[in-house]
Amino acid sequence: MSVTPLIGPVEAPDLHVVSYNIRRRFTGPLVRPADRWRLRRPRLTALLQAERPTLLGAQEAMPDQAAAVRDALGPRYRFVGHGRDANGRGEGCPLFFDGERLELLDWRQTALSTQPDVPGSRSWGAMLPRVLVTASFRDRATDVRFIALNTHLDVFSPRARAAGARHIRELVEDQELPAIVTGDFNARPGSAPLLELFGGDDLVDAWDAAAERETPEWDTYAGYRRPHVRRGRIDWIGVSPDVRVLRAAIDPRRVGGGWPSDHLPVHAVVRMGGRGA
């Protein structure tokens, strides 16, 4: 199965960043063919092997799926993050990174709740636990340090989405390093969570900030159907203002006759500067 990269590997000082809800694995006779992990996994593998992003924020990854993503990316890649449940299992929001390019300095996973240090905790009307994975890196090629944050906001509670977005913005505000935020925010342009996230001076939408956009602004939740430009994105990449966004893209393509996920991957090519330089 061969895939032509939409962006593909990039050279320093640029970083290729992807946010991708890979759709958690479900089993049983009621799972429709397009959603079956055994069919989607080779498609996802082919896509990731073609793109090889420097940094990938994934959502809905079960432990075995996180391992599959790591294997697809290759031996130079590592990841941080685990399941969202109290026991560390279940779906998670792992951050994958090219370990030869990026040195991991520190990382932590917290609950998006009023008790962030309590695994599995829920707040603000969220029906399921939600997590935030935060990591700090040093770019070995440029010596620039930056932070990356990856999350998946609640699908049911508008209050939880807005509170989670506010929490992320406040974390970035407290940092002195350039920041990259990836996530499925379950929120469309102009909604309360996006106003919380991008309404101040701390973060900007990478799509809006991009010098070049290589694709239409596809709806990122496609549900294994032909993508449209209709309702707007729910998957996002945000950057602090001192991060230059060179290119942005949303990949609508089938791979091997089907889509790797019910979401589309969001890409950005960025270059660090400012506070972390």
C-alpha atoms as a PDB file:
ATOM      1  CA  MET A   1       0.000   0.000   0.000  1.00  0.00           C
ATOM      2  CA  SER A   2       1.686   3.180  -1.211  1.00  0.00           C
ATOM      3  CA  VAL A   3       0.856   6.750  -0.191  1.00  0.00           C
ATOM      4  CA  THR A   4       2.225   9.968  -1.643  1.00  0.00           C
ATOM      5  CA  PRO A   5       2.917  12.310   1.274  1.00  0.00           C
ATOM      6  CA  LEU A   6       0.833  15.441   1.519  1.00  0.00           C
ATOM      7  CA  ILE A   7       3.599  17.161   3.520  1.00  0.00           C
ATOM      8  CA  GLY A   8       6.144  14.463   4.344  1.00  0.00           C
ATOM      9  CA  PRO A   9       9.377  14.730   6.334  1.00  0.00           C
ATOM     10  CA  VAL A  10      10.853  18.216   6.703  1.00  0.00           C
ATOM     11  CA  GLU A  11      14.342  19.487   7.376  1.00  0.00           C
ATOM     12  CA  ALA A  12      15.476  21.623  10.326  1.00  0.00           C
ATOM     13  CA  PRO A  13      14.674  24.235  11.419  1.00  0.00           C
ATOM     14  CA  ASP A  14      11.126  23.326  10.349  1.00  0.00           C
ATOM     15  CA  LEU A  15       8.874  20.962  12.309  1.00  0.00           C
ATOM     16  CA  HIS A  16       6.054  18.928  10.775  1.00  0.00           C
ATOM     17  CA  VAL A  17       3.169  18.791  13.271  1.00  0.00           C
ATOM     18  CA  VAL A  18       0.051  16.622  12.933  1.00  0.00           C
ATOM     19  CA  SER A  19      -3.128  16.391  14.998  1.00  0.00           C
ATOM     20  CA  TYR A  20      -5.035  13.174  14.311  1.00  0.00           C
ATOM     21  CA  ASN A  21      -7.966  11.474  15.996  1.00  0.00           C
ATOM     22  CA  ILE A  22      -7.218   7.920  14.891  1.00  0.00           C
ATOM     23  CA  ARG A  23     -10.603   6.539  16.070  1.00  0.00           C
ATOM     24  CA  ARG A  24     -10.522   4.082  18.938  1.00  0.00           C
ATOM     25  CA  ARG A  25     -10.727   0.387  18.226  1.00  0.00           C
ATOM     26  CA  PHE A  26     -14.140  -1.238  18.608  1.00  0.00           C
ATOM     27  CA  THR A  27     -14.882  -4.931  18.197  1.00  0.00           C
ATOM     28  CA  GLY A  28     -17.999  -7.016  17.678  1.00  0.00           C
ATOM     29  CA  PRO A  29     -20.479  -7.870  14.925  1.00  0.00           C
ATOM     30  CA  LEU A  30     -22.105  -4.416  14.936  1.00  0.00           C
ATOM     31  CA  VAL A  31     -18.924  -2.602  13.889  1.00  0.00           C
ATOM     32  CA  ARG A  32     -19.381  -1.529  10.281  1.00  0.00           C
ATOM     33  CA  PRO A  33     -16.655  -2.518   7.820  1.00  0.00           C
ATOM     34  CA  ALA A  34     -15.262   1.010   7.403  1.00  0.00           C
ATOM     35  CA  ASP A  35     -14.695   1.199  11.172  1.00  0.00           C
ATOM     36  CA  ARG A  36     -12.909  -2.129  11.616  1.00  0.00           C
ATOM     37  CA  TRP A  37      -9.439  -1.639  13.031  1.00  0.00           C
ATOM     38  CA  ARG A  38      -7.979  -4.611  11.172  1.00  0.00           C
ATOM     39  CA  LEU A  39      -8.820  -2.807   7.923  1.00  0.00           C
ATOM     40  CA  ARG A  40      -7.891   0.663   9.122  1.00  0.00           C
ATOM     41  CA  ARG A  41      -4.548  -0.218  10.687  1.00  0.00           C
ATOM     42  CA  PRO A  42      -2.658  -0.876   7.412  1.00  0.00           C
ATOM     43  CA  ARG A  43      -4.108   2.338   5.977  1.00  0.00           C
ATOM     44  CA  LEU A  44      -2.964   4.315   8.992  1.00  0.00           C
ATOM     45  CA  THR A  45       0.440   2.641   8.852  1.00  0.00           C
ATOM     46  CA  ALA A  46       0.918   3.565   5.189  1.00  0.00           C
ATOM     47  CA  LEU A  47      -0.137   7.161   5.825  1.00  0.00           C
ATOM     48  CA  LEU A  48       2.175   7.645   8.805  1.00  0.00           C
ATOM     49  CA  GLN A  49       5.112   6.032   7.040  1.00  0.00           C
ATOM     50  CA  ALA A  50       4.678   8.506   4.192  1.00  0.00           C
ATOM     51  CA  GLU A  51       4.249  11.595   6.365  1.00  0.00           C
ATOM     52  CA  ARG A  52       6.674  10.914   9.253  1.00  0.00           C
ATOM     53  CA  PRO A  53       5.785  14.061  11.220  1.00  0.00           C
ATOM     54  CA  THR A  54       8.227  15.447  13.739  1.00  0.00           C
ATOM     55  CA  LEU A  55       5.422  15.667  16.297  1.00  0.00           C
ATOM     56  CA  LEU A  56       2.068  13.863  16.258  1.00  0.00           C
ATOM     57  CA  GLY A  57      -0.724  14.530  18.730  1.00  0.00           C
ATOM     58  CA  ALA A  58      -3.083  11.548  18.523  1.00  0.00           C
ATOM     59  CA  GLN A  59      -6.488  11.152  20.108  1.00  0.00           C
ATOM     60  CA  GLU A  60      -8.640   8.100  20.912  1.00  0.00           C
ATOM     61  CA  ALA A  61      -5.632   5.780  20.891  1.00  0.00           C
ATOM     62  CA  MET A  62      -6.121   2.559  22.827  1.00  0.00           C
ATOM     63  CA  PRO A  63      -2.863   1.088  24.203  1.00  0.00           C
ATOM     64  CA  ASP A  64      -2.485  -1.381  21.331  1.00  0.00           C
ATOM     65  CA  GLN A  65      -3.244   1.367  18.829  1.00  0.00           C
ATOM     66  CA  ALA A  66      -0.593   3.630  20.349  1.00  0.00           C
ATOM     67  CA  ALA A  67       1.885   0.786  19.922  1.00  0.00           C
ATOM     68  CA  ALA A  68       0.759   0.371  16.307  1.00  0.00           C
ATOM     69  CA  VAL A  69       1.321   4.074  15.614  1.00  0.00           C
ATOM     70  CA  ARG A  70       4.792   3.914  17.159  1.00  0.00           C
ATOM     71  CA  ASP A  71       5.645   0.851  15.071  1.00  0.00           C
ATOM     72  CA  ALA A  72       4.366   2.544  11.919  1.00  0.00           C
ATOM     73  CA  LEU A  73       6.486   5.637  12.504  1.00  0.00           C
ATOM     74  CA  GLY A  74       9.624   3.601  13.077  1.00  0.00           C
ATOM     75  CA  PRO A  75      12.353   3.011  15.669  1.00  0.00           C
ATOM     76  CA  ARG A  76      13.440   6.644  15.990  1.00  0.00           C
ATOM     77  CA  TYR A  77      10.010   7.605  17.352  1.00  0.00           C
ATOM     78  CA  ARG A  78       8.852   7.590  20.966  1.00  0.00           C
ATOM     79  CA  PHE A  79       5.640   8.595  22.680  1.00  0.00           C
ATOM     80  CA  VAL A  80       4.368   9.812  26.037  1.00  0.00           C
ATOM     81  CA  GLY A  81       0.881   9.491  27.471  1.00  0.00           C
ATOM     82  CA  HIS A  82      -1.386   6.633  28.526  1.00  0.00           C
ATOM     83  CA  GLY A  83      -5.059   5.793  28.908  1.00  0.00           C
ATOM     84  CA  ARG A  84      -7.498   8.210  30.502  1.00  0.00           C
ATOM     85  CA  ASP A  85      -9.028   5.781  32.992  1.00  0.00           C
ATOM     86  CA  ALA A  86      -8.111   5.779  36.678  1.00  0.00           C
ATOM     87  CA  ASN A  87      -5.978   2.669  36.119  1.00  0.00           C
ATOM     88  CA  GLY A  88      -4.160   4.226  33.153  1.00  0.00           C
ATOM     89  CA  ARG A  89      -6.006   2.114  30.622  1.00  0.00           C
ATOM     90  CA  GLY A  90      -8.547   3.009  27.989  1.00  0.00           C
ATOM     91  CA  GLU A  91      -8.172   5.495  25.178  1.00  0.00           C
ATOM     92  CA  GLY A  92      -5.589   8.226  25.481  1.00  0.00           C
ATOM     93  CA  CYS A  93      -3.995  11.249  23.826  1.00  0.00           C
ATOM     94  CA  PRO A  94      -0.381  10.185  23.293  1.00  0.00           C
ATOM     95  CA  LEU A  95       2.219  12.556  21.887  1.00  0.00           C
ATOM     96  CA  PHE A  96       4.553  10.893  19.391  1.00  0.00           C
ATOM     97  CA  PHE A  97       7.852  12.511  18.479  1.00  0.00           C
ATOM     98  CA  ASP A  98      10.977  11.928  16.438  1.00  0.00           C
ATOM     99  CA  GLY A  99      13.470  11.094  19.181  1.00  0.00           C
ATOM    100  CA  GLU A 100      16.487  11.774  16.972  1.00  0.00           C
ATOM    101  CA  ARG A 101      15.295  15.316  16.297  1.00  0.00           C
ATOM    102  CA  LEU A 102      13.597  16.160  19.620  1.00  0.00           C
ATOM    103  CA  GLU A 103      14.966  15.604  23.113  1.00  0.00           C
ATOM    104  CA  LEU A 104      12.224  15.007  25.674  1.00  0.00           C
ATOM    105  CA  LEU A 105      12.908  17.174  28.722  1.00  0.00           C
ATOM    106  CA  ASP A 106       9.794  16.539  30.796  1.00  0.00           C
ATOM    107  CA  TRP A 107       6.195  15.408  30.458  1.00  0.00           C
ATOM    108  CA  ARG A 108       3.051  14.824  32.461  1.00  0.00           C
ATOM    109  CA  GLN A 109      -0.503  13.687  31.959  1.00  0.00           C
ATOM    110  CA  THR A 110      -3.274  15.386  33.919  1.00  0.00           C
ATOM    111  CA  ALA A 111      -7.034  15.096  34.062  1.00  0.00           C
ATOM    112  CA  LEU A 112      -9.090  17.909  32.593  1.00  0.00           C
ATOM    113  CA  SER A 113     -11.026  18.410  35.807  1.00  0.00           C
ATOM    114  CA  THR A 114     -10.996  20.399  39.025  1.00  0.00           C
ATOM    115  CA  GLN A 115      -8.702  17.638  40.351  1.00  0.00           C
ATOM    116  CA  PRO A 116      -6.090  17.413  37.590  1.00  0.00           C
ATOM    117  CA  ASP A 117      -3.778  15.163  39.602  1.00  0.00           C
ATOM    118  CA  VAL A 118      -6.514  12.552  40.178  1.00  0.00           C
ATOM    119  CA  PRO A 119      -6.482  10.063  37.272  1.00  0.00           C
ATOM    120  CA  GLY A 120      -9.918   9.369  35.879  1.00  0.00           C
ATOM    121  CA  SER A 121     -11.532  12.415  37.500  1.00  0.00           C
ATOM    122  CA  ARG A 122     -14.317  14.307  35.704  1.00  0.00           C
ATOM    123  CA  SER A 123     -15.767  17.807  36.089  1.00  0.00           C
ATOM    124  CA  TRP A 124     -18.005  20.399  34.433  1.00  0.00           C
ATOM    125  CA  GLY A 125     -20.570  17.844  33.288  1.00  0.00           C
ATOM    126  CA  ALA A 126     -18.153  15.641  31.349  1.00  0.00           C
ATOM    127  CA  MET A 127     -19.539  12.121  31.003  1.00  0.00           C
ATOM    128  CA  LEU A 128     -16.108  10.572  30.462  1.00  0.00           C
ATOM    129  CA  PRO A 129     -12.612  11.328  31.776  1.00  0.00           C
ATOM    130  CA  ARG A 130     -10.613  13.719  29.616  1.00  0.00           C
ATOM    131  CA  VAL A 131      -6.857  14.193  29.741  1.00  0.00           C
ATOM    132  CA  LEU A 132      -4.160  16.638  28.739  1.00  0.00           C
ATOM    133  CA  VAL A 133      -0.661  15.443  27.858  1.00  0.00           C
ATOM    134  CA  THR A 134       1.997  18.153  28.177  1.00  0.00           C
ATOM    135  CA  ALA A 135       5.636  17.691  27.162  1.00  0.00           C
ATOM    136  CA  SER A 136       8.655  19.959  26.897  1.00  0.00           C
ATOM    137  CA  PHE A 137      11.269  19.369  24.220  1.00  0.00           C
ATOM    138  CA  ARG A 138      14.614  20.622  22.998  1.00  0.00           C
ATOM    139  CA  ASP A 139      15.132  20.645  19.258  1.00  0.00           C
ATOM    140  CA  ARG A 140      18.528  18.988  18.828  1.00  0.00           C
ATOM    141  CA  ALA A 141      19.025  20.752  15.487  1.00  0.00           C
ATOM    142  CA  THR A 142      18.397  24.311  16.700  1.00  0.00           C
ATOM    143  CA  ASP A 143      18.650  24.071  20.511  1.00  0.00           C
ATOM    144  CA  VAL A 144      15.217  25.739  20.761  1.00  0.00           C
ATOM    145  CA  ARG A 145      13.023  24.580  23.640  1.00  0.00           C
ATOM    146  CA  PHE A 146       9.238  24.438  23.386  1.00  0.00           C
ATOM    147  CA  ILE A 147       6.181  22.802  24.918  1.00  0.00           C
ATOM    148  CA  ALA A 148       3.558  20.632  23.246  1.00  0.00           C
ATOM    149  CA  LEU A 149       0.071  19.954  24.583  1.00  0.00           C
ATOM    150  CA  ASN A 150      -2.380  17.349  23.262  1.00  0.00           C
ATOM    151  CA  THR A 151      -5.974  16.708  24.286  1.00  0.00           C
ATOM    152  CA  HIS A 152      -9.471  15.537  23.331  1.00  0.00           C
ATOM    153  CA  LEU A 153     -12.254  17.694  24.739  1.00  0.00           C
ATOM    154  CA  ASP A 154     -15.615  16.311  25.812  1.00  0.00           C
ATOM    155  CA  VAL A 155     -18.125  15.561  23.074  1.00  0.00           C
ATOM    156  CA  PHE A 156     -21.252  15.963  25.223  1.00  0.00           C
ATOM    157  CA  SER A 157     -20.749  18.920  27.584  1.00  0.00           C
ATOM    158  CA  PRO A 158     -20.275  22.453  26.170  1.00  0.00           C
ATOM    159  CA  ARG A 159     -19.299  23.599  29.656  1.00  0.00           C
ATOM    160  CA  ALA A 160     -16.551  20.976  29.871  1.00  0.00           C
ATOM    161  CA  ARG A 161     -15.208  21.942  26.449  1.00  0.00           C
ATOM    162  CA  ALA A 162     -15.030  25.617  27.352  1.00  0.00           C
ATOM    163  CA  ALA A 163     -13.424  24.893  30.735  1.00  0.00           C
ATOM    164  CA  GLY A 164     -10.868  22.558  29.163  1.00  0.00           C
ATOM    165  CA  ALA A 165      -9.937  25.120  26.517  1.00  0.00           C
ATOM    166  CA  ARG A 166      -9.598  27.822  29.171  1.00  0.00           C
ATOM    167  CA  HIS A 167      -7.319  25.566  31.219  1.00  0.00           C
ATOM    168  CA  ILE A 168      -5.065  24.937  28.221  1.00  0.00           C
ATOM    169  CA  ARG A 169      -4.822  28.635  27.394  1.00  0.00           C
ATOM    170  CA  GLU A 170      -3.937  29.459  31.002  1.00  0.00           C
ATOM    171  CA  LEU A 171      -1.197  26.815  30.981  1.00  0.00           C
ATOM    172  CA  VAL A 172       0.299  28.327  27.840  1.00  0.00           C
ATOM    173  CA  GLU A 173      -0.013  31.813  29.331  1.00  0.00           C
ATOM    174  CA  ASP A 174       2.084  30.720  32.322  1.00  0.00           C
ATOM    175  CA  GLN A 175       4.882  29.399  30.098  1.00  0.00           C
ATOM    176  CA  GLU A 176       7.894  31.267  28.763  1.00  0.00           C
ATOM    177  CA  LEU A 177       8.451  28.818  25.909  1.00  0.00           C
ATOM    178  CA  PRO A 178       6.900  28.620  22.454  1.00  0.00           C
ATOM    179  CA  ALA A 179       3.867  26.328  22.485  1.00  0.00           C
ATOM    180  CA  ILE A 180       2.118  23.927  20.120  1.00  0.00           C
ATOM    181  CA  VAL A 181      -1.369  22.640  20.954  1.00  0.00           C
ATOM    182  CA  THR A 182      -2.957  19.699  19.129  1.00  0.00           C
ATOM    183  CA  GLY A 183      -6.356  18.230  19.741  1.00  0.00           C
ATOM    184  CA  ASP A 184      -9.834  17.123  18.856  1.00  0.00           C
ATOM    185  CA  PHE A 185     -11.787  19.927  20.502  1.00  0.00           C
ATOM    186  CA  ASN A 186     -15.231  18.746  19.378  1.00  0.00           C
ATOM    187  CA  ALA A 187     -15.795  22.431  18.626  1.00  0.00           C
ATOM    188  CA  ARG A 188     -16.261  24.323  15.394  1.00  0.00           C
ATOM    189  CA  PRO A 189     -14.992  27.776  14.413  1.00  0.00           C
ATOM    190  CA  GLY A 190     -16.493  30.578  16.468  1.00  0.00           C
ATOM    191  CA  SER A 191     -17.675  28.313  19.291  1.00  0.00           C
ATOM    192  CA  ALA A 192     -17.044  29.038  22.975  1.00  0.00           C
ATOM    193  CA  PRO A 193     -14.054  26.647  23.350  1.00  0.00           C
ATOM    194  CA  LEU A 194     -12.313  28.200  20.349  1.00  0.00           C
ATOM    195  CA  LEU A 195     -12.976  31.696  21.643  1.00  0.00           C
ATOM    196  CA  GLU A 196     -11.447  30.604  24.955  1.00  0.00           C
ATOM    197  CA  LEU A 197      -8.428  29.121  23.218  1.00  0.00           C
ATOM    198  CA  PHE A 198      -7.733  31.726  20.553  1.00  0.00           C
ATOM    199  CA  GLY A 199      -9.524  34.781  21.932  1.00  0.00           C
ATOM    200  CA  GLY A 200      -6.510  36.240  23.738  1.00  0.00           C
ATOM    201  CA  ASP A 201      -2.867  36.862  22.927  1.00  0.00           C
ATOM    202  CA  ASP A 202      -1.481  33.447  23.908  1.00  0.00           C
ATOM    203  CA  LEU A 203      -2.476  31.149  21.027  1.00  0.00           C
ATOM    204  CA  VAL A 204      -3.426  31.464  17.374  1.00  0.00           C
ATOM    205  CA  ASP A 205      -5.036  29.001  14.992  1.00  0.00           C
ATOM    206  CA  ALA A 206      -2.288  27.500  12.834  1.00  0.00           C
ATOM    207  CA  TRP A 207      -4.607  27.340   9.826  1.00  0.00           C
ATOM    208  CA  ASP A 208      -5.376  31.043   9.980  1.00  0.00           C
ATOM    209  CA  ALA A 209      -1.729  31.900  10.650  1.00  0.00           C
ATOM    210  CA  ALA A 210      -0.305  29.777   7.817  1.00  0.00           C
ATOM    211  CA  ALA A 211       1.604  31.506   5.041  1.00  0.00           C
ATOM    212  CA  GLU A 212       0.378  28.787   2.647  1.00  0.00           C
ATOM    213  CA  ARG A 213      -2.658  26.484   2.819  1.00  0.00           C
ATOM    214  CA  GLU A 214      -2.176  23.413   0.675  1.00  0.00           C
ATOM    215  CA  THR A 215      -5.783  22.125   0.729  1.00  0.00           C
ATOM    216  CA  PRO A 216      -9.316  23.395   1.178  1.00  0.00           C
ATOM    217  CA  GLU A 217     -10.474  23.855   4.772  1.00  0.00           C
ATOM    218  CA  TRP A 218     -12.126  20.441   4.940  1.00  0.00           C
ATOM    219  CA  ASP A 219     -14.487  19.492   7.754  1.00  0.00           C
ATOM    220  CA  THR A 220     -12.193  17.289   9.821  1.00  0.00           C
ATOM    221  CA  TYR A 221     -14.917  14.932  11.035  1.00  0.00           C
ATOM    222  CA  ALA A 222     -15.922  13.027   7.900  1.00  0.00           C
ATOM    223  CA  GLY A 223     -17.321   9.801   9.376  1.00  0.00           C
ATOM    224  CA  TYR A 224     -15.811   7.612   6.636  1.00  0.00           C
ATOM    225  CA  ARG A 225     -17.693   9.613   4.000  1.00  0.00           C
ATOM    226  CA  ARG A 226     -16.545  11.917   1.232  1.00  0.00           C
ATOM    227  CA  PRO A 227     -15.226  15.036   2.972  1.00  0.00           C
ATOM    228  CA  HIS A 228     -16.949  18.403   2.597  1.00  0.00           C
ATOM    229  CA  VAL A 229     -16.272  22.051   3.280  1.00  0.00           C
ATOM    230  CA  ARG A 230     -19.473  22.676   5.166  1.00  0.00           C
ATOM    231  CA  ARG A 231     -19.644  22.771   8.959  1.00  0.00           C
ATOM    232  CA  GLY A 232     -16.024  23.524   9.879  1.00  0.00           C
ATOM    233  CA  ARG A 233     -13.107  21.874  11.607  1.00  0.00           C
ATOM    234  CA  ILE A 234     -13.273  20.219  15.026  1.00  0.00           C
ATOM    235  CA  ASP A 235      -9.605  19.118  15.018  1.00  0.00           C
ATOM    236  CA  TRP A 236      -7.089  21.893  15.555  1.00  0.00           C
ATOM    237  CA  ILE A 237      -3.466  22.917  15.830  1.00  0.00           C
ATOM    238  CA  GLY A 238      -2.748  26.050  17.841  1.00  0.00           C
ATOM    239  CA  VAL A 239       0.577  27.806  18.258  1.00  0.00           C
ATOM    240  CA  SER A 240       1.883  30.665  20.344  1.00  0.00           C
ATOM    241  CA  PRO A 241       2.447  33.889  18.367  1.00  0.00           C
ATOM    242  CA  ASP A 242       6.219  33.370  18.348  1.00  0.00           C
ATOM    243  CA  VAL A 243       5.819  30.210  16.243  1.00  0.00           C
ATOM    244  CA  ARG A 244       5.791  30.867  12.513  1.00  0.00           C
ATOM    245  CA  VAL A 245       3.390  28.671  10.519  1.00  0.00           C
ATOM    246  CA  LEU A 246       4.741  28.093   7.028  1.00  0.00           C
ATOM    247  CA  ARG A 247       2.200  25.621   5.650  1.00  0.00           C
ATOM    248  CA  ALA A 248      -1.076  24.031   6.713  1.00  0.00           C
ATOM    249  CA  ALA A 249      -3.152  21.221   5.240  1.00  0.00           C
ATOM    250  CA  ILE A 250      -6.025  18.832   5.953  1.00  0.00           C
ATOM    251  CA  ASP A 251      -5.715  15.442   4.260  1.00  0.00           C
ATOM    252  CA  PRO A 252      -9.030  14.144   2.817  1.00  0.00           C
ATOM    253  CA  ARG A 253      -7.616  11.222   0.866  1.00  0.00           C
ATOM    254  CA  ARG A 254      -8.531   7.579   0.979  1.00  0.00           C
ATOM    255  CA  VAL A 255      -5.733   5.098   1.529  1.00  0.00           C
ATOM    256  CA  GLY A 256      -6.021   1.614   0.073  1.00  0.00           C
ATOM    257  CA  GLY A 257      -9.681   2.057  -0.759  1.00  0.00           C
ATOM    258  CA  GLY A 258     -10.802   3.537   2.559  1.00  0.00           C
ATOM    259  CA  TRP A 259     -10.053   6.061   5.262  1.00  0.00           C
ATOM    260  CA  PRO A 260      -7.695   5.291   8.169  1.00  0.00           C
ATOM    261  CA  SER A 261     -10.052   7.078  10.596  1.00  0.00           C
ATOM    262  CA  ASP A 262     -13.412   8.822  10.774  1.00  0.00           C
ATOM    263  CA  HIS A 263     -11.443  12.062  11.254  1.00  0.00           C
ATOM    264  CA  LEU A 264      -9.008  13.712   8.848  1.00  0.00           C
ATOM    265  CA  PRO A 265      -5.428  14.500   9.888  1.00  0.00           C
ATOM    266  CA  VAL A 266      -4.511  18.173  10.290  1.00  0.00           C
ATOM    267  CA  HIS A 267      -0.972  19.227   9.312  1.00  0.00           C
ATOM    268  CA  ALA A 268       1.186  22.265   9.958  1.00  0.00           C
ATOM    269  CA  VAL A 269       4.809  23.035   9.150  1.00  0.00           C
ATOM    270  CA  VAL A 270       6.143  25.423  11.768  1.00  0.00           C
ATOM    271  CA  ARG A 271       9.360  27.202  12.646  1.00  0.00           C
ATOM    272  CA  MET A 272      10.272  28.265  16.169  1.00  0.00           C
ATOM    273  CA  GLY A 273      11.499  31.660  17.239  1.00  0.00           C
ATOM    274  CA  GLY A 274      11.031  34.316  19.872  1.00  0.00           C
ATOM    275  CA  ARG A 275      10.896  33.262  23.500  1.00  0.00           C
ATOM    276  CA  GLY A 276      12.532  29.853  23.075  1.00  0.00           C
ATOM    277  CA  ALA A 277      15.259  30.897  20.650  1.00  0.00           C
END
